Amino acid sequence: MKHQLSMSRQAVSQHLAVPEAAGLVETRREGRYKFHDLTPSPLARSAERWIKPDTSETS
């Protein structure tokens, strides 16, 4: 294995299928390679609902 990873490329692709189905990862092919990019926008909607800015005053 070129990068000395303990998982095969097929195993990585199978694991990335879950966040890809949820819209958190975009996959593109270039030749025989697949590239995966994080898509954080679905997480931003959750963060807006759950994480509120601290509005307490500090003196």
N, C-alpha and C. Protein backbone atom coordinates (compact mmCIF):
# COMPACT_ATOMS: atom_id res chain seq x y z
N MET A 1 0.84 -1.18 0.00
CA MET A 1 0.00 0.00 0.00
C MET A 1 0.89 1.24 0.00
N LYS A 2 0.60 2.12 -0.91
CA LYS A 2 1.44 3.28 -1.12
C LYS A 2 1.54 4.18 0.11
N HIS A 3 0.41 4.46 0.77
CA HIS A 3 0.39 5.39 1.90
C HIS A 3 0.35 4.67 3.24
N GLN A 4 0.56 3.38 3.23
CA GLN A 4 0.59 2.54 4.42
C GLN A 4 -0.69 2.68 5.24
N LEU A 5 -1.83 2.66 4.56
CA LEU A 5 -3.12 2.69 5.23
C LEU A 5 -3.55 1.26 5.54
N SER A 6 -4.28 1.09 6.63
CA SER A 6 -4.70 -0.25 7.00
C SER A 6 -6.02 -0.65 6.34
N MET A 7 -6.70 0.29 5.66
CA MET A 7 -7.96 -0.01 4.97
C MET A 7 -7.73 0.01 3.47
N SER A 8 -8.47 -0.82 2.77
CA SER A 8 -8.39 -0.82 1.32
C SER A 8 -9.17 0.36 0.75
N ARG A 9 -8.91 0.69 -0.49
CA ARG A 9 -9.66 1.77 -1.15
C ARG A 9 -11.14 1.43 -1.21
N GLN A 10 -11.46 0.17 -1.43
CA GLN A 10 -12.85 -0.25 -1.49
C GLN A 10 -13.54 -0.03 -0.14
N ALA A 11 -12.85 -0.32 0.94
CA ALA A 11 -13.43 -0.13 2.28
C ALA A 11 -13.67 1.35 2.55
N VAL A 12 -12.73 2.19 2.14
CA VAL A 12 -12.90 3.64 2.33
C VAL A 12 -14.10 4.13 1.54
N SER A 13 -14.25 3.68 0.30
CA SER A 13 -15.38 4.08 -0.53
C SER A 13 -16.70 3.65 0.09
N GLN A 14 -16.74 2.45 0.65
CA GLN A 14 -17.96 1.98 1.30
C GLN A 14 -18.29 2.84 2.51
N HIS A 15 -17.29 3.22 3.29
CA HIS A 15 -17.53 4.05 4.46
C HIS A 15 -17.97 5.46 4.05
N LEU A 16 -17.44 5.98 2.95
CA LEU A 16 -17.81 7.32 2.50
C LEU A 16 -19.19 7.35 1.84
N ALA A 17 -19.75 6.20 1.53
CA ALA A 17 -21.07 6.15 0.90
C ALA A 17 -22.14 6.68 1.85
N VAL A 18 -21.98 6.47 3.15
CA VAL A 18 -22.98 6.93 4.13
C VAL A 18 -23.03 8.46 4.19
N PRO A 19 -21.91 9.17 4.43
CA PRO A 19 -22.01 10.64 4.43
C PRO A 19 -22.35 11.20 3.04
N GLU A 20 -21.99 10.49 1.98
CA GLU A 20 -22.35 10.94 0.64
C GLU A 20 -23.87 10.88 0.47
N ALA A 21 -24.50 9.82 0.94
CA ALA A 21 -25.96 9.69 0.85
C ALA A 21 -26.66 10.76 1.68
N ALA A 22 -26.02 11.21 2.76
CA ALA A 22 -26.59 12.25 3.61
C ALA A 22 -26.31 13.66 3.08
N GLY A 23 -25.56 13.77 1.99
CA GLY A 23 -25.26 15.07 1.41
C GLY A 23 -24.10 15.78 2.07
N LEU A 24 -23.31 15.06 2.86
CA LEU A 24 -22.18 15.67 3.56
C LEU A 24 -20.87 15.57 2.78
N VAL A 25 -20.85 14.71 1.77
CA VAL A 25 -19.65 14.50 0.96
C VAL A 25 -20.06 14.48 -0.50
N GLU A 26 -19.31 15.19 -1.33
CA GLU A 26 -19.50 15.14 -2.78
C GLU A 26 -18.36 14.34 -3.38
N THR A 27 -18.69 13.48 -4.33
CA THR A 27 -17.69 12.62 -4.95
C THR A 27 -17.60 12.97 -6.44
N ARG A 28 -16.36 13.07 -6.93
CA ARG A 28 -16.16 13.30 -8.36
C ARG A 28 -15.08 12.36 -8.85
N ARG A 29 -15.22 11.96 -10.09
CA ARG A 29 -14.25 11.06 -10.70
C ARG A 29 -13.36 11.84 -11.66
N GLU A 30 -12.09 11.52 -11.61
CA GLU A 30 -11.13 12.02 -12.59
C GLU A 30 -10.30 10.84 -13.02
N GLY A 31 -10.60 10.34 -14.21
CA GLY A 31 -9.92 9.14 -14.69
C GLY A 31 -10.29 7.95 -13.81
N ARG A 32 -9.30 7.26 -13.31
CA ARG A 32 -9.59 6.10 -12.47
C ARG A 32 -9.64 6.45 -10.98
N TYR A 33 -9.51 7.72 -10.66
CA TYR A 33 -9.51 8.16 -9.26
C TYR A 33 -10.84 8.78 -8.88
N LYS A 34 -11.19 8.63 -7.61
CA LYS A 34 -12.37 9.29 -7.04
C LYS A 34 -11.88 10.26 -5.98
N PHE A 35 -12.43 11.47 -6.02
CA PHE A 35 -12.08 12.49 -5.05
C PHE A 35 -13.32 12.82 -4.24
N HIS A 36 -13.17 12.94 -2.94
CA HIS A 36 -14.28 13.21 -2.04
C HIS A 36 -14.04 14.57 -1.38
N ASP A 37 -15.07 15.41 -1.42
CA ASP A 37 -14.99 16.74 -0.82
C ASP A 37 -16.08 16.88 0.22
N LEU A 38 -15.73 17.47 1.36
CA LEU A 38 -16.68 17.73 2.43
C LEU A 38 -17.64 18.83 2.00
N THR A 39 -18.93 18.64 2.28
CA THR A 39 -19.95 19.63 2.02
C THR A 39 -20.54 20.02 3.36
N PRO A 40 -20.06 21.10 3.99
CA PRO A 40 -20.49 21.42 5.35
C PRO A 40 -21.85 22.11 5.46
N SER A 41 -22.47 22.51 4.36
CA SER A 41 -23.73 23.26 4.45
C SER A 41 -24.84 22.51 5.19
N PRO A 42 -25.02 21.20 5.03
CA PRO A 42 -26.06 20.54 5.83
C PRO A 42 -25.78 20.63 7.34
N LEU A 43 -24.53 20.65 7.72
CA LEU A 43 -24.18 20.77 9.13
C LEU A 43 -24.44 22.18 9.65
N ALA A 44 -24.31 23.19 8.80
CA ALA A 44 -24.53 24.57 9.21
C ALA A 44 -25.97 24.77 9.65
N ARG A 45 -26.92 24.15 8.96
CA ARG A 45 -28.33 24.27 9.35
C ARG A 45 -28.55 23.69 10.74
N SER A 46 -27.93 22.57 11.04
CA SER A 46 -28.05 21.97 12.38
C SER A 46 -27.39 22.85 13.42
N ALA A 47 -26.23 23.39 13.10
CA ALA A 47 -25.51 24.25 14.05
C ALA A 47 -26.32 25.50 14.36
N GLU A 48 -27.00 26.05 13.38
CA GLU A 48 -27.82 27.24 13.61
C GLU A 48 -28.96 26.94 14.58
N ARG A 49 -29.50 25.74 14.51
CA ARG A 49 -30.61 25.38 15.40
C ARG A 49 -30.14 25.06 16.81
N TRP A 50 -28.97 24.46 16.94
CA TRP A 50 -28.53 23.94 18.24
C TRP A 50 -27.52 24.81 18.96
N ILE A 51 -26.68 25.48 18.22
CA ILE A 51 -25.62 26.28 18.85
C ILE A 51 -26.03 27.74 18.81
N LYS A 52 -26.20 28.30 19.96
CA LYS A 52 -26.60 29.70 20.06
C LYS A 52 -25.42 30.51 20.58
N PRO A 53 -25.23 31.73 20.07
CA PRO A 53 -24.13 32.56 20.56
C PRO A 53 -24.33 32.93 22.03
N ASP A 54 -23.23 33.09 22.73
CA ASP A 54 -23.27 33.47 24.13
C ASP A 54 -23.61 34.95 24.22
N THR A 55 -24.74 35.26 24.81
CA THR A 55 -25.19 36.65 24.91
C THR A 55 -25.01 37.21 26.31
N SER A 56 -24.38 36.44 27.20
CA SER A 56 -24.17 36.94 28.55
C SER A 56 -23.11 38.04 28.54
N GLU A 57 -23.31 39.02 29.39
CA GLU A 57 -22.36 40.13 29.47
C GLU A 57 -21.25 39.79 30.45
N THR A 58 -20.03 40.13 30.07
CA THR A 58 -18.90 39.95 30.98
C THR A 58 -18.36 41.31 31.33
N SER A 59 -18.08 41.53 32.60
CA SER A 59 -17.60 42.85 33.05
C SER A 59 -16.16 42.79 33.45
